[in-house]
Amino acid sequence: MIFKREREMRLKKALFVGFVISVVTLLLRDPSFSQVKTGEAISFPGVIESIHENFKFIVVNEVRIFISPNTKITDEKGDILKINHLKPKMNVTIEALRNPNGFFAKKIVVKTSNNKP
């Protein structure tokens, strides 16, 4: 009888902990990208995960950011950088516009702290 009650309490505790973890995970999930309207500007920090071989786009925070000839790339001081300065694992801040095909970068600011070009 005691063992049965103890087992029930452990099961209830495990279910409660699982529920709390699920709720916390849902609350911490960043819904900001899904709420950006088409044509609306957004700015966010992140780390470059990958770069397309022709620099057509980069991936930051698991989001594809398209780069055009009009995209301004600078360091934190405002100095203009060339597109080939971008490397994976660099900390950046992206200013982009959302459109039906994804995000188009207006400006990419390369953070100098913790970057190894």
Protein backbone atom coordinates (compact mmCIF):
# COMPACT_ATOMS: atom_id res chain seq x y z
CA MET A 1 0.00 0.00 0.00
CA ILE A 2 2.79 2.41 0.88
CA PHE A 3 4.71 1.53 -2.27
CA LYS A 4 1.64 2.11 -4.45
CA ARG A 5 1.06 5.56 -2.94
CA GLU A 6 4.77 6.40 -3.33
CA ARG A 7 4.65 5.31 -6.99
CA GLU A 8 1.58 7.47 -7.61
CA MET A 9 3.31 10.48 -6.05
CA ARG A 10 6.40 9.98 -8.20
CA LEU A 11 4.24 9.73 -11.33
CA LYS A 12 2.35 12.91 -10.42
CA LYS A 13 5.63 14.70 -9.74
CA ALA A 14 7.11 13.58 -13.08
CA LEU A 15 3.98 14.69 -14.97
CA PHE A 16 4.01 18.05 -13.20
CA VAL A 17 7.70 18.63 -13.96
CA GLY A 18 7.14 17.69 -17.61
CA PHE A 19 4.20 20.10 -17.82
CA VAL A 20 6.21 22.95 -16.29
CA ILE A 21 9.12 22.35 -18.67
CA SER A 22 6.72 22.37 -21.64
CA VAL A 23 5.11 25.64 -20.56
CA VAL A 24 8.47 27.34 -19.94
CA THR A 25 9.74 26.18 -23.34
CA LEU A 26 6.69 27.63 -25.08
CA LEU A 27 7.00 30.92 -23.21
CA LEU A 28 10.70 31.32 -24.00
CA ARG A 29 10.30 30.57 -27.69
CA ASP A 30 10.92 33.74 -29.72
CA PRO A 31 7.84 34.44 -31.87
CA SER A 32 9.16 37.80 -33.08
CA PHE A 33 9.92 36.69 -36.65
CA SER A 34 6.44 35.32 -37.22
CA GLN A 35 4.84 38.59 -36.13
CA VAL A 36 6.79 40.85 -38.51
CA LYS A 37 4.57 42.08 -41.33
CA THR A 38 5.66 42.17 -44.97
CA GLY A 39 7.61 45.36 -45.68
CA GLU A 40 8.21 46.01 -41.99
CA ALA A 41 11.77 46.61 -40.79
CA ILE A 42 13.25 44.45 -38.07
CA SER A 43 16.59 44.57 -36.27
CA PHE A 44 18.08 41.64 -34.37
CA PRO A 45 21.48 40.37 -33.17
CA GLY A 46 22.84 36.95 -33.97
CA VAL A 47 25.74 34.83 -35.14
CA ILE A 48 26.37 34.02 -38.79
CA GLU A 49 25.78 30.28 -39.07
CA SER A 50 26.53 29.92 -42.77
CA ILE A 51 27.17 31.95 -45.92
CA HIS A 52 26.03 31.04 -49.43
CA GLU A 53 29.01 30.52 -51.73
CA ASN A 54 28.07 33.52 -53.91
CA PHE A 55 27.11 35.70 -50.91
CA LYS A 56 23.48 35.70 -52.05
CA PHE A 57 22.38 35.12 -48.47
CA ILE A 58 23.61 34.37 -44.98
CA VAL A 59 21.92 32.35 -42.25
CA VAL A 60 21.57 34.03 -38.86
CA ASN A 61 19.49 32.54 -36.03
CA GLU A 62 18.30 29.83 -38.44
CA VAL A 63 16.83 32.55 -40.71
CA ARG A 64 17.93 33.13 -44.30
CA ILE A 65 18.90 36.78 -44.84
CA PHE A 66 19.23 37.79 -48.50
CA ILE A 67 22.02 40.21 -49.41
CA SER A 68 21.78 42.68 -52.29
CA PRO A 69 24.23 45.21 -53.76
CA ASN A 70 22.34 47.82 -51.70
CA THR A 71 23.07 46.06 -48.38
CA LYS A 72 25.37 48.22 -46.26
CA ILE A 73 27.98 46.23 -44.30
CA THR A 74 29.82 48.08 -41.52
CA ASP A 75 31.70 47.48 -38.32
CA GLU A 76 30.58 48.96 -35.00
CA LYS A 77 32.53 52.16 -35.71
CA GLY A 78 30.63 52.68 -38.96
CA ASP A 79 33.54 51.79 -41.25
CA ILE A 80 32.35 50.23 -44.51
CA LEU A 81 33.33 46.57 -44.99
CA LYS A 82 33.34 44.43 -48.10
CA ILE A 83 30.96 41.50 -48.32
CA ASN A 84 33.82 38.98 -48.26
CA HIS A 85 34.65 40.19 -44.75
CA LEU A 86 31.64 38.22 -43.48
CA LYS A 87 32.62 34.87 -41.97
CA PRO A 88 30.74 32.13 -40.13
CA LYS A 89 30.61 32.49 -36.34
CA MET A 90 30.79 36.31 -36.51
CA ASN A 91 28.50 38.26 -34.20
CA VAL A 92 26.33 40.64 -36.20
CA THR A 93 23.28 42.85 -35.93
CA ILE A 94 20.93 42.65 -38.89
CA GLU A 95 18.57 45.38 -40.06
CA ALA A 96 16.24 43.79 -42.58
CA LEU A 97 12.93 44.11 -44.37
CA ARG A 98 10.49 41.24 -44.49
CA ASN A 99 8.91 40.29 -47.77
CA PRO A 100 7.11 37.16 -48.97
CA ASN A 101 10.42 35.46 -49.86
CA GLY A 102 12.11 36.08 -46.51
CA PHE A 103 14.28 38.84 -45.09
CA PHE A 104 16.33 41.28 -47.18
CA ALA A 105 19.25 42.90 -45.36
CA LYS A 106 19.37 46.68 -45.41
CA LYS A 107 22.36 46.82 -43.07
CA ILE A 108 24.69 44.32 -41.42
CA VAL A 109 26.79 45.55 -38.50
CA VAL A 110 29.72 43.28 -37.63
CA LYS A 111 30.38 43.25 -33.90
CA THR A 112 34.11 43.48 -33.21
CA SER A 113 33.98 41.84 -29.79
CA ASN A 114 34.60 38.08 -29.83
CA ASN A 115 35.04 37.99 -33.63
CA LYS A 116 38.01 36.36 -35.24
CA PRO A 117 38.06 37.47 -38.90
